N, C-alpha and C. Protein backbone atom coordinates (compact mmCIF):
# COMPACT_ATOMS: atom_id res chain seq x y z
N MET A 1 44.73 8.55 69.80
CA MET A 1 45.53 8.35 70.47
C MET A 1 45.74 8.96 71.90
N ARG A 2 45.58 10.12 72.23
CA ARG A 2 45.18 10.86 73.79
C ARG A 2 44.49 9.47 74.48
N GLN A 3 43.72 8.83 73.84
CA GLN A 3 42.76 7.99 74.67
C GLN A 3 43.90 6.30 75.04
N LEU A 4 44.31 5.76 74.38
CA LEU A 4 45.16 4.96 74.09
C LEU A 4 46.46 5.38 75.13
N VAL A 5 46.96 6.56 75.62
CA VAL A 5 48.32 6.76 76.30
C VAL A 5 46.87 7.30 77.52
N LEU A 6 46.06 7.42 77.96
CA LEU A 6 45.35 7.71 78.82
C LEU A 6 45.44 6.43 79.23
N ARG A 7 44.57 4.93 78.63
CA ARG A 7 44.30 3.79 78.72
C ARG A 7 45.56 3.40 80.07
N ILE A 8 47.04 3.15 79.59
CA ILE A 8 48.63 3.16 79.35
C ILE A 8 48.86 3.90 80.75
N ALA A 9 48.42 4.97 81.15
CA ALA A 9 48.74 5.75 82.24
C ALA A 9 47.24 5.52 83.06
N THR A 10 46.49 5.24 83.34
CA THR A 10 45.63 4.88 84.60
C THR A 10 45.45 3.23 84.13
N ARG A 11 46.01 2.58 83.97
CA ARG A 11 46.17 1.26 83.83
C ARG A 11 45.67 0.95 85.46
N SER A 12 44.88 -0.15 85.84
CA SER A 12 43.94 -0.29 86.95
C SER A 12 45.31 -1.44 87.64
N ARG A 13 46.46 -2.49 87.48
CA ARG A 13 47.79 -3.13 87.37
C ARG A 13 48.19 -2.45 88.08
N PRO A 14 49.34 -2.15 89.08
CA PRO A 14 50.31 -0.96 89.20
C PRO A 14 51.36 -2.02 88.75
N VAL A 15 52.13 -1.57 88.12
CA VAL A 15 53.74 -2.54 88.35
C VAL A 15 54.53 -1.91 88.54
N LEU A 16 55.48 -2.48 89.07
CA LEU A 16 56.40 -1.57 90.21
C LEU A 16 57.47 -0.51 89.13
N PHE A 17 58.31 -1.11 88.13
CA PHE A 17 58.96 -0.23 88.13
C PHE A 17 58.55 -0.67 86.07
N ASP A 18 57.43 0.40 85.88
CA ASP A 18 57.27 0.18 84.61
C ASP A 18 57.15 2.05 84.12
N THR A 19 58.73 1.76 83.24
CA THR A 19 58.65 3.37 82.40
C THR A 19 57.91 3.47 81.89
N THR A 20 56.98 2.91 81.11
CA THR A 20 55.98 3.50 79.96
C THR A 20 55.03 3.89 80.54
N GLN A 21 54.21 3.81 81.83
CA GLN A 21 53.18 4.10 82.47
C GLN A 21 54.31 5.41 82.85
N THR A 22 54.95 5.74 82.88
CA THR A 22 55.23 7.17 83.92
C THR A 22 55.55 8.29 82.76
N GLN A 23 55.79 7.52 81.90
CA GLN A 23 55.79 8.43 80.56
C GLN A 23 54.58 8.48 80.07
N ALA A 24 53.73 7.92 79.98
CA ALA A 24 52.23 8.44 79.74
C ALA A 24 51.98 9.61 80.54
N ILE A 25 51.93 9.24 81.73
CA ILE A 25 51.02 10.21 83.01
C ILE A 25 52.38 11.33 82.66
N ARG A 26 52.96 11.93 82.67
CA ARG A 26 54.30 12.98 81.89
C ARG A 26 53.54 13.80 80.64
N PHE A 27 53.18 12.96 79.61
CA PHE A 27 53.27 13.11 78.29
C PHE A 27 51.48 13.76 78.91
N LEU A 28 50.88 12.86 79.77
CA LEU A 28 49.36 13.40 79.31
C LEU A 28 49.08 14.84 80.61
N GLY A 29 50.25 15.56 81.98
CA GLY A 29 50.40 15.97 82.31
C GLY A 29 50.86 17.56 81.01
N GLN A 30 51.39 16.64 79.90
CA GLN A 30 51.46 18.53 78.90
C GLN A 30 50.67 18.60 78.03
N THR A 31 49.95 17.49 78.27
CA THR A 31 48.52 17.72 76.76
C THR A 31 46.98 17.56 77.56
N GLY A 32 47.00 17.33 78.49
CA GLY A 32 45.60 17.44 78.97
C GLY A 32 44.81 18.29 80.11
N ASP A 33 43.83 18.30 80.35
CA ASP A 33 42.68 18.85 80.35
C ASP A 33 42.45 18.84 81.97
N SER A 34 41.19 19.11 82.68
CA SER A 34 40.55 19.25 83.90
C SER A 34 40.72 17.56 83.93
N GLU A 35 39.41 16.69 83.27
CA GLU A 35 39.09 15.60 83.24
C GLU A 35 40.74 14.69 83.40
N THR A 36 41.09 14.77 82.67
CA THR A 36 43.28 13.86 82.38
C THR A 36 43.05 14.38 84.57
N ALA A 37 43.38 15.27 84.65
CA ALA A 37 43.74 15.54 85.59
C ALA A 37 42.79 15.25 86.49
N ASP A 38 41.62 15.14 86.43
CA ASP A 38 40.81 13.92 87.57
C ASP A 38 41.22 12.44 87.61
N ARG A 39 41.56 11.45 86.25
CA ARG A 39 41.83 10.43 86.14
C ARG A 39 43.39 10.39 86.59
N LEU A 40 44.59 11.22 86.42
CA LEU A 40 45.56 10.86 86.90
C LEU A 40 46.03 11.04 88.52
N ALA A 41 44.46 12.38 88.87
CA ALA A 41 44.64 12.11 90.67
C ALA A 41 43.95 10.50 91.00
N GLY A 42 43.57 10.31 90.35
CA GLY A 42 42.89 8.79 91.31
C GLY A 42 44.01 8.02 91.11
N LEU A 43 45.18 7.81 90.56
CA LEU A 43 46.55 7.05 90.91
C LEU A 43 47.12 7.44 92.06
N LEU A 44 46.93 8.15 92.89
CA LEU A 44 47.34 8.68 94.08
C LEU A 44 47.11 7.56 94.92
N ARG A 45 47.40 6.99 95.24
CA ARG A 45 47.11 5.74 96.31
C ARG A 45 48.54 5.22 96.80
N PRO A 46 48.74 5.29 97.99
CA PRO A 46 49.97 4.40 98.73
C PRO A 46 50.15 3.43 98.01
N TYR A 47 49.77 2.53 97.81
CA TYR A 47 49.86 1.09 97.21
C TYR A 47 50.63 0.99 95.54
N ARG A 48 51.07 2.63 95.15
CA ARG A 48 51.35 2.84 93.68
C ARG A 48 52.93 2.59 94.60
N GLY A 49 53.90 2.47 92.82
CA GLY A 49 55.05 3.23 93.47
C GLY A 49 55.40 4.56 93.44
N LEU A 50 56.70 4.85 94.01
CA LEU A 50 56.68 5.91 94.08
C LEU A 50 56.67 6.57 92.86
N ALA A 51 58.10 6.04 91.90
CA ALA A 51 58.04 6.73 90.40
C ALA A 51 56.49 7.28 89.58
N VAL A 52 55.47 6.15 90.04
CA VAL A 52 53.77 6.58 89.12
C VAL A 52 53.79 7.91 90.06
N ARG A 53 53.50 8.29 91.41
CA ARG A 53 53.04 8.70 92.16
C ARG A 53 53.75 10.33 92.09
N GLU A 54 55.20 9.88 91.96
CA GLU A 54 55.32 11.35 91.74
C GLU A 54 55.05 11.69 90.50
N ALA A 55 55.16 10.92 88.75
CA ALA A 55 54.72 11.61 88.09
C ALA A 55 53.18 11.92 88.27
N VAL A 56 52.81 11.72 88.34
CA VAL A 56 51.12 12.25 88.52
C VAL A 56 51.86 13.73 88.86
N ALA A 57 52.06 13.57 90.32
CA ALA A 57 52.26 15.14 91.13
C ALA A 57 53.23 15.53 90.36
N ASP A 58 53.86 15.90 89.24
CA ASP A 58 54.73 16.19 88.61
C ASP A 58 53.35 16.70 87.19
N SER A 59 52.60 15.76 86.35
CA SER A 59 51.59 15.89 86.05
C SER A 59 50.49 17.42 85.78
N LEU A 60 49.91 17.38 87.73
CA LEU A 60 49.07 17.68 88.53
C LEU A 60 49.29 19.32 88.33
N ALA A 61 50.46 19.27 88.91
CA ALA A 61 51.09 20.99 88.79
C ALA A 61 51.38 21.39 87.83
N ARG A 62 51.03 20.73 86.46
CA ARG A 62 50.31 21.95 85.06
C ARG A 62 49.71 21.37 84.35
N LEU A 63 48.65 20.49 85.23
CA LEU A 63 47.15 20.66 84.54
C LEU A 63 45.95 21.41 85.82
N PRO A 64 44.59 21.95 85.60
CA PRO A 64 43.83 22.84 85.47
C PRO A 64 43.56 21.67 87.31
N CYS A 65 43.92 21.46 87.90
CA CYS A 65 43.57 20.52 88.93
C CYS A 65 41.59 21.37 89.92
N LEU A 66 40.79 20.54 89.46
CA LEU A 66 39.97 21.72 90.28
C LEU A 66 39.43 20.16 91.37
N ALA A 67 37.55 20.50 91.72
CA ALA A 67 36.60 19.80 92.36
C ALA A 67 37.65 18.28 92.31
N GLU A 68 36.70 17.80 91.78
CA GLU A 68 37.44 15.62 91.83
C GLU A 68 38.70 15.88 92.19
N CYS A 69 39.31 16.59 91.30
CA CYS A 69 40.98 16.11 91.57
C CYS A 69 41.82 16.29 93.19
N ILE A 70 41.06 17.92 93.02
CA ILE A 70 41.99 18.16 94.37
C ILE A 70 41.21 17.02 95.53
N ARG A 71 39.82 16.51 95.48
CA ARG A 71 39.27 15.39 96.56
C ARG A 71 40.14 14.26 96.33
N ALA A 72 40.89 13.99 95.28
CA ALA A 72 41.43 13.37 94.97
C ALA A 72 43.16 13.06 95.64
N VAL A 73 43.63 14.72 95.62
CA VAL A 73 44.96 14.83 96.58
C VAL A 73 44.73 14.84 97.95
N LEU A 74 43.53 15.17 98.61
CA LEU A 74 43.27 15.27 99.63
C LEU A 74 43.43 13.95 100.35
N ASP A 75 42.24 12.87 99.88
CA ASP A 75 42.29 11.90 100.02
C ASP A 75 43.67 10.83 100.16
N TYR A 76 44.59 10.98 99.26
CA TYR A 76 45.60 10.56 99.22
C TYR A 76 46.74 10.97 100.69
N ARG A 77 46.55 12.66 100.17
CA ARG A 77 47.57 13.11 101.80
C ARG A 77 47.15 12.30 103.08
N GLU A 78 45.68 12.89 103.34
CA GLU A 78 45.14 11.70 104.74
C GLU A 78 45.65 10.68 104.86
N ARG A 79 45.18 9.74 103.59
CA ARG A 79 45.85 8.10 104.04
C ARG A 79 47.53 8.44 104.05
N MET A 80 48.06 8.75 103.39
CA MET A 80 49.36 8.88 104.02
C MET A 80 49.47 9.72 105.15
N TRP A 81 49.37 10.94 105.83
CA TRP A 81 49.03 11.38 107.56
C TRP A 81 48.41 10.43 108.24
N ARG A 82 47.92 9.52 108.06
CA ARG A 82 46.97 7.91 109.23
C ARG A 82 48.10 7.03 109.34
N GLY A 83 49.08 6.92 108.79
CA GLY A 83 50.03 5.95 108.40
C GLY A 83 49.29 4.18 107.09
N GLU A 84 48.85 4.98 106.23
CA GLU A 84 48.81 3.82 105.96
C GLU A 84 49.91 3.28 104.72
N PRO A 85 50.28 1.70 104.74
CA PRO A 85 51.23 1.52 103.87
C PRO A 85 51.14 1.67 102.76
N SER A 86 52.24 1.44 102.68
CA SER A 86 52.67 1.95 101.20
C SER A 86 53.50 1.17 100.66
N VAL A 87 53.93 1.36 99.62
CA VAL A 87 54.86 0.30 98.50
C VAL A 87 55.52 0.49 99.47
N GLU A 88 56.65 1.49 99.63
CA GLU A 88 58.32 1.37 100.45
C GLU A 88 57.90 0.68 102.05
N THR A 89 57.08 0.83 102.57
CA THR A 89 57.06 0.31 103.44
C THR A 89 56.59 -0.88 103.85
N LEU A 90 55.90 -1.53 102.72
CA LEU A 90 55.19 -2.47 102.63
C LEU A 90 57.45 -3.89 102.63
N LEU A 91 57.76 -3.14 102.15
CA LEU A 91 59.74 -4.00 101.68
C LEU A 91 60.05 -4.15 102.92
N GLY A 92 59.97 -3.64 103.90
CA GLY A 92 60.12 -3.80 104.90
C GLY A 92 61.69 -2.70 105.86
N GLY A 93 61.80 -3.25 106.79
CA GLY A 93 63.24 -2.51 107.61
C GLY A 93 62.82 -0.85 107.37
N GLU A 94 63.77 -0.07 107.42
CA GLU A 94 64.13 0.76 107.90
C GLU A 94 63.36 1.27 106.60
N ILE A 95 63.37 2.71 105.57
CA ILE A 95 63.34 3.23 104.46
C ILE A 95 64.31 4.15 104.13
N PRO A 96 65.05 3.96 103.09
CA PRO A 96 66.55 4.26 102.81
C PRO A 96 66.65 6.09 102.72
N ASN A 97 67.40 6.74 103.66
CA ASN A 97 67.32 7.87 103.62
C ASN A 97 66.64 8.82 102.06
N GLU A 98 66.87 7.83 101.28
CA GLU A 98 66.89 8.56 99.27
C GLU A 98 65.74 8.66 99.36
N ILE A 99 65.01 7.07 99.81
CA ILE A 99 62.86 7.05 99.36
C ILE A 99 62.96 8.31 100.18
N ALA A 100 62.57 8.40 101.22
CA ALA A 100 62.23 8.83 102.50
C ALA A 100 62.67 9.96 101.49
N GLU A 101 63.45 11.16 101.96
CA GLU A 101 63.38 12.13 100.45
C GLU A 101 62.23 12.36 99.67
N GLN A 102 62.64 11.28 98.53
CA GLN A 102 61.45 11.43 97.85
C GLN A 102 59.94 11.49 98.29
N LYS A 103 59.99 10.82 99.13
CA LYS A 103 58.27 11.35 99.43
C LYS A 103 57.73 12.12 100.34
N GLN A 104 59.28 12.83 100.98
CA GLN A 104 58.38 14.46 100.63
C GLN A 104 58.98 15.58 100.32
N GLU A 105 59.36 15.31 99.09
CA GLU A 105 59.31 16.32 97.64
C GLU A 105 57.95 15.82 97.45
N LEU A 106 57.40 14.58 97.09
CA LEU A 106 56.34 14.41 96.31
C LEU A 106 55.12 14.81 97.42
N ASP A 107 55.38 15.23 98.90
CA ASP A 107 54.00 15.75 99.67
C ASP A 107 54.46 17.65 98.99
N ARG A 108 55.22 17.67 99.15
CA ARG A 108 55.79 19.28 98.62
C ARG A 108 54.83 19.45 97.51
N LYS A 109 55.35 18.87 96.51
CA LYS A 109 54.73 19.10 95.11
C LYS A 109 53.03 19.01 95.35
N LEU A 110 52.28 17.65 95.86
CA LEU A 110 51.24 18.22 96.53
C LEU A 110 50.08 18.93 97.69
N ASP A 111 51.70 19.83 97.51
CA ASP A 111 51.19 20.68 98.93
C ASP A 111 50.60 21.95 97.62
N ARG A 112 52.00 22.21 97.14
CA ARG A 112 52.00 23.57 95.93
C ARG A 112 50.54 22.92 95.05
N VAL A 113 50.42 21.57 94.51
CA VAL A 113 49.00 22.00 94.25
C VAL A 113 47.86 21.92 94.50
N LEU A 114 47.95 21.83 96.14
CA LEU A 114 46.86 21.78 96.34
C LEU A 114 46.61 23.54 97.02
N LEU A 115 48.11 23.98 96.73
CA LEU A 115 47.92 25.83 97.58
C LEU A 115 47.59 26.42 96.04
N ASN A 116 47.75 25.97 95.38
CA ASN A 116 47.51 26.67 93.57
C ASN A 116 46.01 26.98 93.21
N HIS A 117 45.36 25.77 93.76
CA HIS A 117 44.11 25.51 93.78
C HIS A 117 43.19 25.72 95.40
N ARG A 118 43.14 26.93 96.30
CA ARG A 118 43.10 27.01 97.56
C ARG A 118 41.69 26.70 97.41
N GLN A 119 40.70 27.71 96.53
CA GLN A 119 39.46 27.80 96.63
C GLN A 119 38.75 26.12 96.50
N GLU A 120 39.04 25.26 95.90
CA GLU A 120 38.31 24.44 95.31
C GLU A 120 38.89 22.77 96.82
N MET A 121 40.30 23.78 97.38
CA MET A 121 40.69 22.64 98.40
C MET A 121 39.93 23.41 99.57
N LEU A 122 39.72 24.49 99.96
CA LEU A 122 39.13 25.08 101.11
C LEU A 122 37.41 24.53 100.87
N MET A 123 36.28 24.31 99.81
CA MET A 123 35.68 24.13 99.60
C MET A 123 35.56 22.80 100.35
N ALA A 124 36.35 21.39 99.72
CA ALA A 124 36.21 20.58 99.88
C ALA A 124 36.91 20.22 101.44
N LEU A 125 37.45 21.11 102.16
CA LEU A 125 37.93 20.71 103.19
C LEU A 125 36.68 21.37 103.73
N ILE A 126 35.78 22.04 103.73
CA ILE A 126 34.34 21.94 104.31
C ILE A 126 33.65 21.23 103.89
N HIS A 127 33.04 20.99 103.04
CA HIS A 127 32.44 19.92 102.70
C HIS A 127 32.57 18.04 102.85
N THR A 128 34.30 17.92 102.46
CA THR A 128 34.82 16.68 103.22
C THR A 128 35.21 16.61 104.41
N TYR A 129 35.72 17.24 104.86
CA TYR A 129 35.89 17.27 106.09
C TYR A 129 35.66 17.97 107.10
N GLY A 130 34.53 19.12 107.26
CA GLY A 130 33.58 19.04 108.14
C GLY A 130 34.74 20.62 108.56
N LEU A 131 35.34 20.89 107.38
CA LEU A 131 35.92 22.45 108.10
C LEU A 131 35.29 23.40 108.30
N GLY A 132 35.05 24.05 109.72
CA GLY A 132 34.04 25.03 110.47
C GLY A 132 32.64 24.40 111.39
N GLU A 133 33.08 23.25 111.32
CA GLU A 133 32.34 22.55 112.26
C GLU A 133 32.65 22.30 113.49
N MET A 134 32.23 21.67 114.42
CA MET A 134 32.50 20.91 115.70
C MET A 134 33.23 19.57 115.11
N ALA A 135 32.51 18.88 114.48
CA ALA A 135 32.92 17.47 114.22
C ALA A 135 34.15 17.40 113.16
N VAL A 136 34.91 18.39 113.69
CA VAL A 136 35.85 18.71 112.24
C VAL A 136 36.62 17.18 112.10
N ALA A 137 37.41 16.61 110.83
CA ALA A 137 38.08 15.49 111.10
C ALA A 137 39.82 16.47 111.33
N PRO A 138 39.77 16.08 112.20
CA PRO A 138 41.84 15.79 112.60
C PRO A 138 42.28 16.32 111.73
N PHE A 139 42.36 15.93 110.50
CA PHE A 139 43.20 16.14 109.79
C PHE A 139 42.97 16.83 108.85
N ALA A 140 41.77 17.41 108.58
CA ALA A 140 41.83 18.88 107.55
C ALA A 140 42.36 19.89 109.41
N LEU A 141 41.86 19.92 109.88
CA LEU A 141 42.93 21.05 111.23
C LEU A 141 44.59 20.95 111.16
N HIS A 142 45.16 19.75 111.15
CA HIS A 142 46.05 18.91 110.63
C HIS A 142 47.20 19.96 109.11
N LEU A 143 46.00 19.61 108.06
CA LEU A 143 46.46 19.93 106.26
C LEU A 143 46.34 21.44 106.92
N THR A 144 45.40 22.34 107.61
CA THR A 144 45.40 24.16 107.40
C THR A 144 46.45 24.67 108.08
N GLY A 145 46.67 24.14 109.44
CA GLY A 145 48.13 24.80 110.15
C GLY A 145 49.30 24.59 108.84
N GLN A 146 49.34 23.25 108.50
CA GLN A 146 50.63 23.08 107.81
C GLN A 146 51.15 23.96 107.02
N LEU A 147 49.60 23.69 106.39
CA LEU A 147 49.69 24.56 104.51
C LEU A 147 49.57 26.11 104.87
N LYS A 148 49.53 26.32 106.78
CA LYS A 148 49.20 27.91 106.73
C LYS A 148 48.28 29.19 106.20
N LEU A 149 47.01 28.44 105.82
CA LEU A 149 45.74 28.67 105.30
C LEU A 149 45.07 29.51 106.28
N THR A 150 45.59 30.89 106.50
CA THR A 150 45.00 32.21 106.95
C THR A 150 43.26 31.86 106.71
N GLU A 151 42.84 32.01 105.22
CA GLU A 151 41.99 32.30 104.98
C GLU A 151 41.04 31.27 105.66
N ALA A 152 41.71 30.40 106.45
CA ALA A 152 40.37 29.31 107.15
C ALA A 152 39.80 29.58 108.47
N CYS A 153 40.56 31.25 108.65
CA CYS A 153 40.08 31.87 109.93
C CYS A 153 38.62 31.41 110.26
N GLY A 154 38.19 32.26 109.89
CA GLY A 154 36.81 32.70 109.95
C GLY A 154 35.86 31.09 110.08
N LEU A 155 37.22 30.42 109.95
CA LEU A 155 35.96 29.16 109.52
C LEU A 155 35.98 28.22 110.68
N LEU A 156 36.88 28.88 112.13
CA LEU A 156 37.93 28.31 112.60
C LEU A 156 37.06 28.69 114.01
N ARG A 157 36.91 30.05 113.83
CA ARG A 157 35.61 31.07 115.14
C ARG A 157 34.70 29.88 115.76
N ILE A 158 35.00 28.35 116.10
CA ILE A 158 33.87 28.15 116.55
C ILE A 158 32.97 28.41 117.67
N ASP A 159 34.04 29.54 118.66
CA ASP A 159 33.20 29.80 119.78
C ASP A 159 32.08 30.86 119.76
N GLU A 160 32.12 31.28 118.62
CA GLU A 160 31.25 32.26 118.51
C GLU A 160 29.72 31.87 117.63
N ARG A 161 29.85 29.99 117.88
CA ARG A 161 28.70 29.45 116.74
C ARG A 161 28.26 28.32 117.91
N PHE A 162 29.40 27.69 118.75
CA PHE A 162 28.87 26.78 119.50
C PHE A 162 29.52 27.25 120.92
N ARG A 163 28.96 27.89 121.75
CA ARG A 163 28.90 28.81 122.95
C ARG A 163 29.65 27.25 123.75
N PRO A 164 30.52 27.19 124.44
CA PRO A 164 30.99 25.58 125.98
C PRO A 164 30.58 26.14 126.49
N ALA A 165 29.30 24.49 126.71
CA ALA A 165 28.75 24.18 127.33
C ALA A 165 29.14 24.26 128.80
N PRO A 166 28.74 24.34 130.20
CA PRO A 166 28.94 24.38 131.72
C PRO A 166 29.86 23.32 131.49
N ASP A 167 30.52 22.84 132.22
CA ASP A 167 31.66 21.92 133.15
C ASP A 167 31.37 21.22 131.51
N GLU A 168 31.86 21.64 130.31
CA GLU A 168 32.00 20.97 129.15
C GLU A 168 33.11 19.96 129.09
N GLN A 169 34.17 19.66 129.74
CA GLN A 169 35.15 19.51 130.29
C GLN A 169 34.46 17.42 130.65
N THR A 170 34.05 17.83 132.05
CA THR A 170 33.37 16.43 132.45
C THR A 170 32.20 16.05 131.24
N LEU A 171 31.47 16.55 130.66
CA LEU A 171 30.27 16.30 130.16
C LEU A 171 30.05 16.01 129.09
N PHE A 172 31.34 17.00 128.22
CA PHE A 172 30.75 16.30 127.25
C PHE A 172 32.79 15.89 126.47
N PRO A 173 33.31 15.20 127.31
CA PRO A 173 34.80 15.88 127.26
C PRO A 173 35.67 15.06 125.28
N ARG A 174 34.68 14.91 124.61
CA ARG A 174 35.14 14.59 123.17
C ARG A 174 35.12 16.17 122.86
N ILE A 175 34.01 16.59 122.73
CA ILE A 175 33.52 18.39 122.52
C ILE A 175 34.31 19.20 122.87
N ALA A 176 35.09 18.74 124.52
CA ALA A 176 36.11 19.53 124.71
C ALA A 176 37.33 19.49 123.76
N GLU A 177 37.48 17.96 123.89
CA GLU A 177 38.84 17.97 123.05
C GLU A 177 39.00 18.71 121.49
N GLU A 178 38.17 18.63 121.17
CA GLU A 178 37.55 19.35 119.86
C GLU A 178 37.81 20.61 119.82
N ARG A 179 37.16 21.31 120.38
CA ARG A 179 37.40 22.56 121.25
C ARG A 179 39.16 22.62 121.29
N ILE A 180 39.15 22.57 122.07
CA ILE A 180 41.13 22.16 122.06
C ILE A 180 42.01 22.27 120.84
N GLN A 181 41.80 21.22 119.76
CA GLN A 181 42.30 21.53 118.71
C GLN A 181 42.18 22.24 117.60
N ILE A 182 40.61 22.19 118.11
CA ILE A 182 40.28 23.64 116.72
C ILE A 182 41.06 25.11 117.75
N ASN A 183 40.65 25.54 118.58
CA ASN A 183 41.77 26.63 119.49
C ASN A 183 42.93 26.54 118.70
N ALA A 184 43.60 25.63 119.29
CA ALA A 184 45.11 24.73 118.69
C ALA A 184 45.52 25.58 117.22
N THR A 185 44.43 24.65 116.35
CA THR A 185 44.74 25.30 115.06
C THR A 185 45.28 26.76 114.86
N ARG A 186 43.78 26.92 114.96
CA ARG A 186 43.76 28.85 115.26
C ARG A 186 44.72 29.39 115.66
N LYS A 187 45.52 29.27 116.88
CA LYS A 187 46.85 29.87 117.10
C LYS A 187 48.02 29.55 116.66
N GLU A 188 48.24 28.24 115.80
CA GLU A 188 49.41 28.22 115.10
C GLU A 188 48.92 29.44 113.81
N LEU A 189 47.63 29.83 113.41
CA LEU A 189 47.63 30.28 112.10
C LEU A 189 47.84 31.96 112.62
N ASN A 190 47.76 32.25 113.71
CA ASN A 190 47.42 33.57 114.38
C ASN A 190 46.97 33.94 113.50
N CYS A 191 45.36 33.69 113.90
CA CYS A 191 44.23 33.75 113.91
C CYS A 191 43.57 35.02 114.95
N GLU A 192 43.41 36.24 113.65
CA GLU A 192 42.77 37.21 114.77
C GLU A 192 41.52 36.75 116.28
N THR A 193 41.68 37.41 117.15
CA THR A 193 40.62 36.40 117.78
C THR A 193 39.63 37.77 118.01
N PRO A 194 37.85 37.73 118.40
CA PRO A 194 36.95 37.94 117.79
C PRO A 194 36.94 40.11 118.46
N GLN A 195 37.79 39.90 119.98
CA GLN A 195 38.06 41.21 120.32
C GLN A 195 38.96 41.77 119.81
N ASP A 196 40.27 41.08 118.69
CA ASP A 196 40.94 42.05 118.28
C ASP A 196 40.48 42.28 117.03
N THR A 197 39.46 42.23 116.70
CA THR A 197 38.48 42.80 115.18
C THR A 197 37.74 44.09 115.86
N ARG A 198 37.65 44.12 117.00
CA ARG A 198 36.79 45.59 117.22
C ARG A 198 37.54 46.64 117.64
């Protein structure tokens, strides 16, 4: 029975107004496990209907969302942050306020899923997005600041490991820009400076 419901919930061809699929997703949110969470998180794609994405977010809030699940949530959040077209934007024209509010609420729900699994999220930000390195993905800095991940402060101490080169702004402008962005995130999080810890 559960396998049948899982097949209905994770069908590959999206149907815009399919209540059967959303009901199956919500049912699995009450009866599933971490493997179910992984499969449901894979449905988080901008081209899927908003009702499906909302059902997934609600279900993930009740399920153990571990490494693969967290990576799928981060991938979706990054796609939307980059402005990948979603079903709502493909319809053309301005998005109605009601739908814009639903999308914001969906983001808040997914952020709560991420915050409830902080350790897995930080590991994904380190291993997938390069948090703690000079070549960190801008999305990782954005999300770290947005979610107020103060536990990432230690990972943002780039100057202690990668000293600025003389005339870095002229010789290595991209590295200099990365350093500015990382330090801006540190400031946003109110991270202690090395002098503060002495």
